Amino acid sequence: MRRLNFLMAAFVAGFAVASGAESQGPSPADSLTYADLADLALPSPIVAHVLVRSSVGLKGARASNVAAGMTRFYVEAEPLSLIRGPQGLPAQVGYLVDLPNDAKGRPPRIRKKSQFILLATPVPGRTGELRLVAPDAQLPFTALQADRLRTILRDAARADAPPRIIGIGRAFYVSGSLPGESETQIFLQTADGGPVSLSILRRPGETPRWAVALSEIVDDAAEPPVPDSLEWYRLACALPPVLPASSFGEAGPRQAEAIAADFGLVKRGLGPCVRNRARR
C-alpha cells in the first residue's frame, strides 16, 4: 500500500484526468453505438483489456476538479491483451477515472479483478501511466465489445481506409439526354487530401442510385456504404445537414435545387449518426 500511495501521489501531482467540471457519468457500455465506439477508439493510441489489481478513492487536493456527484479513483491494473498499441505496455499500468456516485451519494466500488477496456494515451515521462481519452473511456470488458473495437481499428489501419471528412467541396450536376436522367457528383474534403466523392445517378423509371468513390475513378458497380462500418461512420457522422452555398459554384437555380435534392437522398440513405454517450 505504501508503494501505491507513493506512485499515486506522484501521478496525481502532474496529471489532469480526462474530465472537466461539466463531466457526467459514463454511458452504459451495452448502449454504446458504432459511432460512440469509433469516437473513442480512433483517437486512442492505446486500447487495452486490463484486470484491476487495486484502486483508491481520492479526496481533497487530489480530486479538486472532480464534478459534483462523482468520485475520482486511482487504479492500478494488469494488461491482459492489447487491442491497439504499437509499443506494448508494461506489466502494470496506472490511471485516473471519475465515476458517478449512487443515488444516495455513495462512491461506487471498483472491485479487484474487475476487467475493463481502456482507451487511453500514455502520460509523457511517466512509464506505465495512462490518461483516458475521455471521462467514459473505461468500458466494462465484454468479448463482444472488444471485437467491435478490433473491427473498427482493423478497418482504420487498412491502406484503403476511408479518410476523415473535414468539409464539402464543389458539386456538379449534368442532365442526361432523356427526361429525368441526370448525374450529380459531390466532392468531399478530407484530412489527408485523398479523393472522396459522392455520385448520384437518376434514370427514368428506375430508383435513384448513389455511391461513394474513394479514388479519382467512379466505379459504376460501387454501392452505398454498409451501415455501422467505418465508411458509413466517416460519412454519416461528418456530412452536414445541407450543402454549403459554396458547393454550388456556378450552378443555376434548377441545377442547385437538383444537387440539393440528391444530397438529401444520400443523407437519407446513410441514416442518422446515433450517439448515446453524454456529450462533453
C-alpha atoms as a PDB file:
ATOM      1  CA  MET A   1       0.000   0.000   0.000  1.00  0.00           C
ATOM      2  CA  ARG A   2       2.925   2.360   0.719  1.00  0.00           C
ATOM      3  CA  ARG A   3       4.165   1.884  -2.845  1.00  0.00           C
ATOM      4  CA  LEU A   4       0.673   2.541  -4.232  1.00  0.00           C
ATOM      5  CA  ASN A   5       0.315   5.742  -2.206  1.00  0.00           C
ATOM      6  CA  PHE A   6       3.723   6.976  -3.353  1.00  0.00           C
ATOM      7  CA  LEU A   7       3.024   6.305  -7.016  1.00  0.00           C
ATOM      8  CA  MET A   8      -0.466   7.732  -6.752  1.00  0.00           C
ATOM      9  CA  ALA A   9       0.777  10.987  -5.201  1.00  0.00           C
ATOM     10  CA  ALA A  10       3.427  11.432  -7.893  1.00  0.00           C
ATOM     11  CA  PHE A  11       0.974  10.586 -10.636  1.00  0.00           C
ATOM     12  CA  VAL A  12      -1.831  12.886  -9.489  1.00  0.00           C
ATOM     13  CA  ALA A  13       0.565  15.786  -8.885  1.00  0.00           C
ATOM     14  CA  GLY A  14       1.443  16.006 -12.567  1.00  0.00           C
ATOM     15  CA  PHE A  15      -1.673  14.711 -14.211  1.00  0.00           C
ATOM     16  CA  ALA A  16      -5.084  16.035 -15.254  1.00  0.00           C
ATOM     17  CA  VAL A  17      -7.777  13.411 -15.641  1.00  0.00           C
ATOM     18  CA  ALA A  18      -9.660  13.410 -18.948  1.00  0.00           C
ATOM     19  CA  SER A  19     -12.673  15.170 -17.497  1.00  0.00           C
ATOM     20  CA  GLY A  20     -13.697  18.655 -16.501  1.00  0.00           C
ATOM     21  CA  ALA A  21     -16.137  20.483 -14.313  1.00  0.00           C
ATOM     22  CA  GLU A  22     -19.001  19.519 -16.617  1.00  0.00           C
ATOM     23  CA  SER A  23     -18.191  15.811 -16.759  1.00  0.00           C
ATOM     24  CA  GLN A  24     -21.079  13.397 -16.487  1.00  0.00           C
ATOM     25  CA  GLY A  25     -21.255   9.745 -15.695  1.00  0.00           C
ATOM     26  CA  PRO A  26     -20.243   7.276 -18.393  1.00  0.00           C
ATOM     27  CA  SER A  27     -22.848   5.819 -20.685  1.00  0.00           C
ATOM     28  CA  PRO A  28     -23.700   2.139 -20.092  1.00  0.00           C
ATOM     29  CA  ALA A  29     -21.317   0.108 -22.219  1.00  0.00           C
ATOM     30  CA  ASP A  30     -24.083  -2.028 -23.700  1.00  0.00           C
ATOM     31  CA  SER A  31     -25.815   1.092 -25.048  1.00  0.00           C
ATOM     32  CA  LEU A  32     -22.817   2.368 -26.994  1.00  0.00           C
ATOM     33  CA  THR A  33     -23.389   2.687 -30.729  1.00  0.00           C
ATOM     34  CA  TYR A  34     -20.882   2.159 -33.511  1.00  0.00           C
ATOM     35  CA  ALA A  35     -20.335   5.926 -33.621  1.00  0.00           C
ATOM     36  CA  ASP A  36     -19.742   6.051 -29.853  1.00  0.00           C
ATOM     37  CA  LEU A  37     -17.057   3.383 -30.064  1.00  0.00           C
ATOM     38  CA  ALA A  38     -15.443   4.899 -33.155  1.00  0.00           C
ATOM     39  CA  ASP A  39     -15.338   8.310 -31.437  1.00  0.00           C
ATOM     40  CA  LEU A  40     -13.416   6.717 -28.562  1.00  0.00           C
ATOM     41  CA  ALA A  41     -11.230   4.233 -30.436  1.00  0.00           C
ATOM     42  CA  LEU A  42      -9.938   6.158 -33.447  1.00  0.00           C
ATOM     43  CA  PRO A  43      -8.024   8.863 -31.498  1.00  0.00           C
ATOM     44  CA  SER A  44      -6.726   6.386 -28.873  1.00  0.00           C
ATOM     45  CA  PRO A  45      -3.084   5.285 -29.213  1.00  0.00           C
ATOM     46  CA  ILE A  46      -3.736   2.565 -26.634  1.00  0.00           C
ATOM     47  CA  VAL A  47      -6.749   0.271 -26.374  1.00  0.00           C
ATOM     48  CA  ALA A  48      -6.191  -2.435 -23.781  1.00  0.00           C
ATOM     49  CA  HIS A  49      -8.059  -5.153 -21.918  1.00  0.00           C
ATOM     50  CA  VAL A  50      -6.971  -4.893 -18.272  1.00  0.00           C
ATOM     51  CA  LEU A  51      -7.508  -6.620 -14.922  1.00  0.00           C
ATOM     52  CA  VAL A  52      -7.799  -4.368 -11.855  1.00  0.00           C
ATOM     53  CA  ARG A  53      -5.219  -5.057  -9.157  1.00  0.00           C
ATOM     54  CA  SER A  54      -6.053  -2.167  -6.815  1.00  0.00           C
ATOM     55  CA  SER A  55      -7.994   1.094  -6.665  1.00  0.00           C
ATOM     56  CA  VAL A  56      -8.072   4.030  -4.270  1.00  0.00           C
ATOM     57  CA  GLY A  57     -10.682   6.777  -3.994  1.00  0.00           C
ATOM     58  CA  LEU A  58      -9.100  10.232  -3.974  1.00  0.00           C
ATOM     59  CA  LYS A  59     -10.156  13.225  -1.909  1.00  0.00           C
ATOM     60  CA  GLY A  60      -9.066  16.784  -1.182  1.00  0.00           C
ATOM     61  CA  ALA A  61      -6.406  18.325  -3.395  1.00  0.00           C
ATOM     62  CA  ARG A  62      -6.050  15.080  -5.351  1.00  0.00           C
ATOM     63  CA  ALA A  63      -9.638  15.444  -6.549  1.00  0.00           C
ATOM     64  CA  SER A  64     -10.047  19.220  -6.546  1.00  0.00           C
ATOM     65  CA  ASN A  65     -11.591  19.454 -10.008  1.00  0.00           C
ATOM     66  CA  VAL A  66     -13.962  16.486  -9.793  1.00  0.00           C
ATOM     67  CA  ALA A  67     -17.534  17.290 -10.806  1.00  0.00           C
ATOM     68  CA  ALA A  68     -20.308  17.170  -8.234  1.00  0.00           C
ATOM     69  CA  GLY A  69     -21.727  13.682  -7.770  1.00  0.00           C
ATOM     70  CA  MET A  70     -18.525  11.995  -8.943  1.00  0.00           C
ATOM     71  CA  THR A  71     -15.615  10.274  -7.192  1.00  0.00           C
ATOM     72  CA  ARG A  72     -12.085  10.061  -8.574  1.00  0.00           C
ATOM     73  CA  PHE A  73     -10.125   6.831  -8.369  1.00  0.00           C
ATOM     74  CA  TYR A  74      -6.523   5.932  -8.970  1.00  0.00           C
ATOM     75  CA  VAL A  75      -6.459   2.450 -10.458  1.00  0.00           C
ATOM     76  CA  GLU A  76      -3.591   0.038 -10.965  1.00  0.00           C
ATOM     77  CA  ALA A  77      -4.268  -2.728 -13.449  1.00  0.00           C
ATOM     78  CA  GLU A  78      -2.578  -5.583 -15.283  1.00  0.00           C
ATOM     79  CA  PRO A  79      -2.860  -5.538 -19.089  1.00  0.00           C
ATOM     80  CA  LEU A  80      -4.297  -8.832 -20.308  1.00  0.00           C
ATOM     81  CA  SER A  81      -4.295  -8.098 -24.019  1.00  0.00           C
ATOM     82  CA  LEU A  82      -3.514  -5.176 -26.267  1.00  0.00           C
ATOM     83  CA  ILE A  83      -6.150  -4.307 -28.840  1.00  0.00           C
ATOM     84  CA  ARG A  84      -4.111  -1.325 -30.045  1.00  0.00           C
ATOM     85  CA  GLY A  85      -0.685  -0.103 -29.006  1.00  0.00           C
ATOM     86  CA  PRO A  86       2.394  -0.193 -31.206  1.00  0.00           C
ATOM     87  CA  GLN A  87       4.927  -0.310 -28.366  1.00  0.00           C
ATOM     88  CA  GLY A  88       3.148  -2.601 -25.941  1.00  0.00           C
ATOM     89  CA  LEU A  89       2.546  -1.958 -22.265  1.00  0.00           C
ATOM     90  CA  PRO A  90       4.433  -2.746 -19.037  1.00  0.00           C
ATOM     91  CA  ALA A  91       3.191  -5.463 -16.668  1.00  0.00           C
ATOM     92  CA  GLN A  92       1.227  -2.882 -14.674  1.00  0.00           C
ATOM     93  CA  VAL A  93      -0.395   0.432 -15.586  1.00  0.00           C
ATOM     94  CA  GLY A  94      -1.988   3.195 -13.543  1.00  0.00           C
ATOM     95  CA  TYR A  95      -4.679   5.700 -14.463  1.00  0.00           C
ATOM     96  CA  LEU A  96      -7.301   8.047 -13.024  1.00  0.00           C
ATOM     97  CA  VAL A  97     -11.017   7.692 -13.621  1.00  0.00           C
ATOM     98  CA  ASP A  98     -14.015   9.690 -12.371  1.00  0.00           C
ATOM     99  CA  LEU A  99     -17.146   7.610 -11.686  1.00  0.00           C
ATOM    100  CA  PRO A 100     -20.666   8.648 -10.637  1.00  0.00           C
ATOM    101  CA  ASN A 101     -21.851   8.143  -7.079  1.00  0.00           C
ATOM    102  CA  ASP A 102     -25.056   6.229  -6.443  1.00  0.00           C
ATOM    103  CA  ALA A 103     -28.460   7.784  -5.744  1.00  0.00           C
ATOM    104  CA  LYS A 104     -27.546   8.213  -2.056  1.00  0.00           C
ATOM    105  CA  GLY A 105     -24.276   9.943  -2.863  1.00  0.00           C
ATOM    106  CA  ARG A 106     -22.103   6.966  -2.004  1.00  0.00           C
ATOM    107  CA  PRO A 107     -18.991   6.325  -4.122  1.00  0.00           C
ATOM    108  CA  PRO A 108     -19.017   3.274  -6.371  1.00  0.00           C
ATOM    109  CA  ARG A 109     -16.658   0.354  -5.870  1.00  0.00           C
ATOM    110  CA  ILE A 110     -14.070  -0.822  -8.355  1.00  0.00           C
ATOM    111  CA  ARG A 111     -13.640  -4.413  -7.337  1.00  0.00           C
ATOM    112  CA  LYS A 112     -10.295  -6.141  -7.503  1.00  0.00           C
ATOM    113  CA  LYS A 113     -10.065  -8.416 -10.566  1.00  0.00           C
ATOM    114  CA  SER A 114     -12.686  -6.387 -12.424  1.00  0.00           C
ATOM    115  CA  GLN A 115     -11.953  -6.313 -16.140  1.00  0.00           C
ATOM    116  CA  PHE A 116     -12.147  -3.220 -18.307  1.00  0.00           C
ATOM    117  CA  ILE A 117     -11.244  -1.954 -21.748  1.00  0.00           C
ATOM    118  CA  LEU A 118      -9.190   1.224 -21.519  1.00  0.00           C
ATOM    119  CA  LEU A 119      -8.974   3.738 -24.363  1.00  0.00           C
ATOM    120  CA  ALA A 120      -6.044   5.884 -23.436  1.00  0.00           C
ATOM    121  CA  THR A 121      -2.880   7.762 -24.258  1.00  0.00           C
ATOM    122  CA  PRO A 122       0.489   7.487 -22.466  1.00  0.00           C
ATOM    123  CA  VAL A 123       1.384  10.150 -19.911  1.00  0.00           C
ATOM    124  CA  PRO A 124       4.626  11.766 -21.168  1.00  0.00           C
ATOM    125  CA  GLY A 125       7.598  10.987 -18.953  1.00  0.00           C
ATOM    126  CA  ARG A 126       5.698   8.513 -16.741  1.00  0.00           C
ATOM    127  CA  THR A 127       6.240   4.933 -17.835  1.00  0.00           C
ATOM    128  CA  GLY A 128       3.193   2.791 -17.219  1.00  0.00           C
ATOM    129  CA  GLU A 129       0.862   5.707 -16.545  1.00  0.00           C
ATOM    130  CA  LEU A 130      -2.113   6.282 -18.838  1.00  0.00           C
ATOM    131  CA  ARG A 131      -4.603   9.087 -19.408  1.00  0.00           C
ATOM    132  CA  LEU A 132      -8.086   8.095 -20.533  1.00  0.00           C
ATOM    133  CA  VAL A 133      -9.042   9.842 -23.773  1.00  0.00           C
ATOM    134  CA  ALA A 134     -12.473  10.708 -22.329  1.00  0.00           C
ATOM    135  CA  PRO A 135     -14.152  10.508 -18.927  1.00  0.00           C
ATOM    136  CA  ASP A 136     -16.072   7.400 -20.017  1.00  0.00           C
ATOM    137  CA  ALA A 137     -13.143   5.678 -21.735  1.00  0.00           C
ATOM    138  CA  GLN A 138     -13.028   2.896 -19.122  1.00  0.00           C
ATOM    139  CA  LEU A 139     -15.507   0.364 -20.520  1.00  0.00           C
ATOM    140  CA  PRO A 140     -16.599  -2.844 -18.781  1.00  0.00           C
ATOM    141  CA  PHE A 141     -14.952  -5.683 -20.660  1.00  0.00           C
ATOM    142  CA  THR A 142     -17.037  -7.999 -22.798  1.00  0.00           C
ATOM    143  CA  ALA A 143     -15.763 -10.137 -25.649  1.00  0.00           C
ATOM    144  CA  LEU A 144     -18.356  -8.547 -27.934  1.00  0.00           C
ATOM    145  CA  GLN A 145     -17.206  -5.002 -27.101  1.00  0.00           C
ATOM    146  CA  ALA A 146     -13.576  -5.972 -27.646  1.00  0.00           C
ATOM    147  CA  ASP A 147     -14.439  -7.484 -31.035  1.00  0.00           C
ATOM    148  CA  ARG A 148     -16.338  -4.341 -32.074  1.00  0.00           C
ATOM    149  CA  LEU A 149     -13.333  -2.196 -31.211  1.00  0.00           C
ATOM    150  CA  ARG A 150     -10.935  -4.542 -33.024  1.00  0.00           C
ATOM    151  CA  THR A 151     -13.064  -4.324 -36.155  1.00  0.00           C
ATOM    152  CA  ILE A 152     -13.072  -0.524 -36.083  1.00  0.00           C
ATOM    153  CA  LEU A 153      -9.322  -0.303 -35.543  1.00  0.00           C
ATOM    154  CA  ARG A 154      -8.536  -3.007 -38.103  1.00  0.00           C
ATOM    155  CA  ASP A 155     -10.596  -1.184 -40.724  1.00  0.00           C
ATOM    156  CA  ALA A 156      -8.909   2.114 -39.848  1.00  0.00           C
ATOM    157  CA  ALA A 157      -5.452   0.554 -40.291  1.00  0.00           C
ATOM    158  CA  ARG A 158      -6.094  -0.677 -43.832  1.00  0.00           C
ATOM    159  CA  ALA A 159      -4.218   1.030 -46.643  1.00  0.00           C
ATOM    160  CA  ASP A 160      -7.519   1.827 -48.370  1.00  0.00           C
ATOM    161  CA  ALA A 161      -9.291   3.016 -45.210  1.00  0.00           C
ATOM    162  CA  PRO A 162     -11.788   5.832 -45.811  1.00  0.00           C
ATOM    163  CA  PRO A 163     -10.277   9.155 -44.683  1.00  0.00           C
ATOM    164  CA  ARG A 164     -11.780  11.592 -42.202  1.00  0.00           C
ATOM    165  CA  ILE A 165     -14.149  14.063 -43.858  1.00  0.00           C
ATOM    166  CA  ILE A 166     -13.476  17.698 -42.944  1.00  0.00           C
ATOM    167  CA  GLY A 167     -15.678  19.575 -45.404  1.00  0.00           C
ATOM    168  CA  ILE A 168     -17.623  19.708 -48.664  1.00  0.00           C
ATOM    169  CA  GLY A 169     -16.086  20.804 -51.938  1.00  0.00           C
ATOM    170  CA  ARG A 170     -17.768  21.590 -55.249  1.00  0.00           C
ATOM    171  CA  ALA A 171     -20.817  19.802 -56.575  1.00  0.00           C
ATOM    172  CA  PHE A 172     -21.648  19.296 -60.249  1.00  0.00           C
ATOM    173  CA  TYR A 173     -24.893  18.359 -61.978  1.00  0.00           C
ATOM    174  CA  VAL A 174     -25.294  17.068 -65.526  1.00  0.00           C
ATOM    175  CA  SER A 175     -28.668  16.330 -67.103  1.00  0.00           C
ATOM    176  CA  GLY A 176     -28.968  13.345 -69.435  1.00  0.00           C
ATOM    177  CA  SER A 177     -30.383  13.046 -72.918  1.00  0.00           C
ATOM    178  CA  LEU A 178     -33.670  11.630 -71.608  1.00  0.00           C
ATOM    179  CA  PRO A 179     -36.193  13.455 -69.412  1.00  0.00           C
ATOM    180  CA  GLY A 180     -35.489  12.622 -65.767  1.00  0.00           C
ATOM    181  CA  GLU A 181     -31.975  11.372 -66.452  1.00  0.00           C
ATOM    182  CA  SER A 182     -29.152  13.074 -64.544  1.00  0.00           C
ATOM    183  CA  GLU A 183     -25.935  12.610 -62.602  1.00  0.00           C
ATOM    184  CA  THR A 184     -24.665  14.614 -59.645  1.00  0.00           C
ATOM    185  CA  GLN A 185     -21.144  14.420 -58.281  1.00  0.00           C
ATOM    186  CA  ILE A 186     -20.230  15.966 -54.933  1.00  0.00           C
ATOM    187  CA  PHE A 187     -16.579  16.211 -53.940  1.00  0.00           C
ATOM    188  CA  LEU A 188     -15.641  15.940 -50.252  1.00  0.00           C
ATOM    189  CA  GLN A 189     -12.660  17.455 -48.454  1.00  0.00           C
ATOM    190  CA  THR A 190     -10.570  15.026 -46.408  1.00  0.00           C
ATOM    191  CA  ALA A 191      -7.993  15.296 -43.637  1.00  0.00           C
ATOM    192  CA  ASP A 192      -5.282  13.615 -45.725  1.00  0.00           C
ATOM    193  CA  GLY A 193      -6.195  15.281 -49.010  1.00  0.00           C
ATOM    194  CA  GLY A 194      -7.280  11.999 -50.554  1.00  0.00           C
ATOM    195  CA  PRO A 195     -10.130  11.936 -53.092  1.00  0.00           C
ATOM    196  CA  VAL A 196     -13.637  11.108 -51.917  1.00  0.00           C
ATOM    197  CA  SER A 197     -16.777  11.869 -53.874  1.00  0.00           C
ATOM    198  CA  LEU A 198     -20.463  11.059 -53.896  1.00  0.00           C
ATOM    199  CA  SER A 199     -22.235  10.212 -57.139  1.00  0.00           C
ATOM    200  CA  ILE A 200     -25.986  10.143 -57.597  1.00  0.00           C
ATOM    201  CA  LEU A 201     -27.445   8.697 -60.778  1.00  0.00           C
ATOM    202  CA  ARG A 202     -31.074   9.067 -61.853  1.00  0.00           C
ATOM    203  CA  ARG A 203     -32.671   7.264 -64.795  1.00  0.00           C
ATOM    204  CA  PRO A 204     -36.311   7.313 -65.953  1.00  0.00           C
ATOM    205  CA  GLY A 205     -38.373   4.571 -64.357  1.00  0.00           C
ATOM    206  CA  GLU A 206     -35.571   3.467 -62.010  1.00  0.00           C
ATOM    207  CA  THR A 207     -34.861   4.032 -58.350  1.00  0.00           C
ATOM    208  CA  PRO A 208     -32.128   6.676 -57.950  1.00  0.00           C
ATOM    209  CA  ARG A 209     -28.729   5.165 -57.173  1.00  0.00           C
ATOM    210  CA  TRP A 210     -25.901   6.684 -55.179  1.00  0.00           C
ATOM    211  CA  ALA A 211     -22.431   5.516 -54.252  1.00  0.00           C
ATOM    212  CA  VAL A 212     -19.129   6.620 -52.744  1.00  0.00           C
ATOM    213  CA  ALA A 213     -15.812   6.753 -54.617  1.00  0.00           C
ATOM    214  CA  LEU A 214     -12.567   6.636 -52.618  1.00  0.00           C
ATOM    215  CA  SER A 215     -10.394   7.304 -55.657  1.00  0.00           C
ATOM    216  CA  GLU A 216     -10.331   9.518 -58.723  1.00  0.00           C
ATOM    217  CA  ILE A 217     -12.291   6.873 -60.632  1.00  0.00           C
ATOM    218  CA  VAL A 218     -16.004   6.356 -60.009  1.00  0.00           C
ATOM    219  CA  ASP A 219     -16.808   2.642 -60.154  1.00  0.00           C
ATOM    220  CA  ASP A 220     -20.175   2.025 -61.819  1.00  0.00           C
ATOM    221  CA  ALA A 221     -20.588  -1.049 -59.599  1.00  0.00           C
ATOM    222  CA  ALA A 222     -19.999   0.888 -56.372  1.00  0.00           C
ATOM    223  CA  GLU A 223     -22.660   0.698 -53.667  1.00  0.00           C
ATOM    224  CA  PRO A 224     -23.598   2.820 -50.656  1.00  0.00           C
ATOM    225  CA  PRO A 225     -21.592   2.007 -47.510  1.00  0.00           C
ATOM    226  CA  VAL A 226     -22.752  -0.739 -45.188  1.00  0.00           C
ATOM    227  CA  PRO A 227     -24.355   0.667 -42.008  1.00  0.00           C
ATOM    228  CA  ASP A 228     -22.114   0.549 -38.927  1.00  0.00           C
ATOM    229  CA  SER A 229     -18.951   0.365 -40.997  1.00  0.00           C
ATOM    230  CA  LEU A 230     -16.028   2.795 -40.970  1.00  0.00           C
ATOM    231  CA  GLU A 231     -17.003   4.168 -44.386  1.00  0.00           C
ATOM    232  CA  TRP A 232     -20.557   4.739 -43.151  1.00  0.00           C
ATOM    233  CA  TYR A 233     -19.274   6.437 -39.979  1.00  0.00           C
ATOM    234  CA  ARG A 234     -16.977   8.779 -41.909  1.00  0.00           C
ATOM    235  CA  LEU A 235     -19.946   9.993 -43.939  1.00  0.00           C
ATOM    236  CA  ALA A 236     -22.986   9.754 -41.675  1.00  0.00           C
ATOM    237  CA  CYS A 237     -21.220  11.417 -38.751  1.00  0.00           C
ATOM    238  CA  ALA A 238     -19.417  14.144 -40.722  1.00  0.00           C
ATOM    239  CA  LEU A 239     -21.659  15.336 -43.547  1.00  0.00           C
ATOM    240  CA  PRO A 240     -23.655  18.494 -42.732  1.00  0.00           C
ATOM    241  CA  PRO A 241     -27.467  18.522 -42.861  1.00  0.00           C
ATOM    242  CA  VAL A 242     -27.403  20.541 -46.100  1.00  0.00           C
ATOM    243  CA  LEU A 243     -24.758  21.515 -48.630  1.00  0.00           C
ATOM    244  CA  PRO A 244     -22.983  24.843 -48.045  1.00  0.00           C
ATOM    245  CA  ALA A 245     -23.644  27.564 -50.585  1.00  0.00           C
ATOM    246  CA  SER A 246     -20.014  27.387 -51.749  1.00  0.00           C
ATOM    247  CA  SER A 247     -20.588  23.881 -53.115  1.00  0.00           C
ATOM    248  CA  PHE A 248     -22.997  25.047 -55.810  1.00  0.00           C
ATOM    249  CA  GLY A 249     -20.430  27.165 -57.619  1.00  0.00           C
ATOM    250  CA  GLU A 250     -21.868  28.440 -60.907  1.00  0.00           C
ATOM    251  CA  ALA A 251     -24.913  26.147 -60.830  1.00  0.00           C
ATOM    252  CA  GLY A 252     -28.169  27.806 -61.837  1.00  0.00           C
ATOM    253  CA  PRO A 253     -31.262  27.692 -59.607  1.00  0.00           C
ATOM    254  CA  ARG A 254     -32.632  24.481 -61.153  1.00  0.00           C
ATOM    255  CA  GLN A 255     -29.275  22.739 -61.024  1.00  0.00           C
ATOM    256  CA  ALA A 256     -28.756  23.847 -57.416  1.00  0.00           C
ATOM    257  CA  GLU A 257     -32.175  22.503 -56.489  1.00  0.00           C
ATOM    258  CA  ALA A 258     -31.375  19.156 -58.123  1.00  0.00           C
ATOM    259  CA  ILE A 259     -27.991  18.958 -56.382  1.00  0.00           C
ATOM    260  CA  ALA A 260     -29.577  19.725 -53.020  1.00  0.00           C
ATOM    261  CA  ALA A 261     -32.205  17.022 -53.600  1.00  0.00           C
ATOM    262  CA  ASP A 262     -29.529  14.481 -54.495  1.00  0.00           C
ATOM    263  CA  PHE A 263     -27.526  15.340 -51.382  1.00  0.00           C
ATOM    264  CA  GLY A 264     -30.715  14.826 -49.361  1.00  0.00           C
ATOM    265  CA  LEU A 265     -31.058  11.410 -50.971  1.00  0.00           C
ATOM    266  CA  VAL A 266     -27.568  10.493 -49.736  1.00  0.00           C
ATOM    267  CA  LYS A 267     -28.296  11.759 -46.218  1.00  0.00           C
ATOM    268  CA  ARG A 268     -31.497   9.713 -46.015  1.00  0.00           C
ATOM    269  CA  GLY A 269     -29.686   6.673 -47.355  1.00  0.00           C
ATOM    270  CA  LEU A 270     -26.990   6.950 -44.712  1.00  0.00           C
ATOM    271  CA  GLY A 271     -29.445   7.450 -41.883  1.00  0.00           C
ATOM    272  CA  PRO A 272     -28.682   9.267 -38.628  1.00  0.00           C
ATOM    273  CA  CYS A 273     -25.369   9.105 -36.808  1.00  0.00           C
ATOM    274  CA  VAL A 274     -26.693   7.950 -33.435  1.00  0.00           C
ATOM    275  CA  ARG A 275     -24.585   8.666 -30.372  1.00  0.00           C
ATOM    276  CA  ASN A 276     -25.627   7.644 -26.860  1.00  0.00           C
ATOM    277  CA  ARG A 277     -22.616   8.946 -24.946  1.00  0.00           C
ATOM    278  CA  ALA A 278     -23.119  12.104 -22.896  1.00  0.00           C
ATOM    279  CA  ARG A 279     -21.585  14.918 -24.949  1.00  0.00           C
ATOM    280  CA  ARG A 280     -18.709  16.769 -23.325  1.00  0.00           C
END
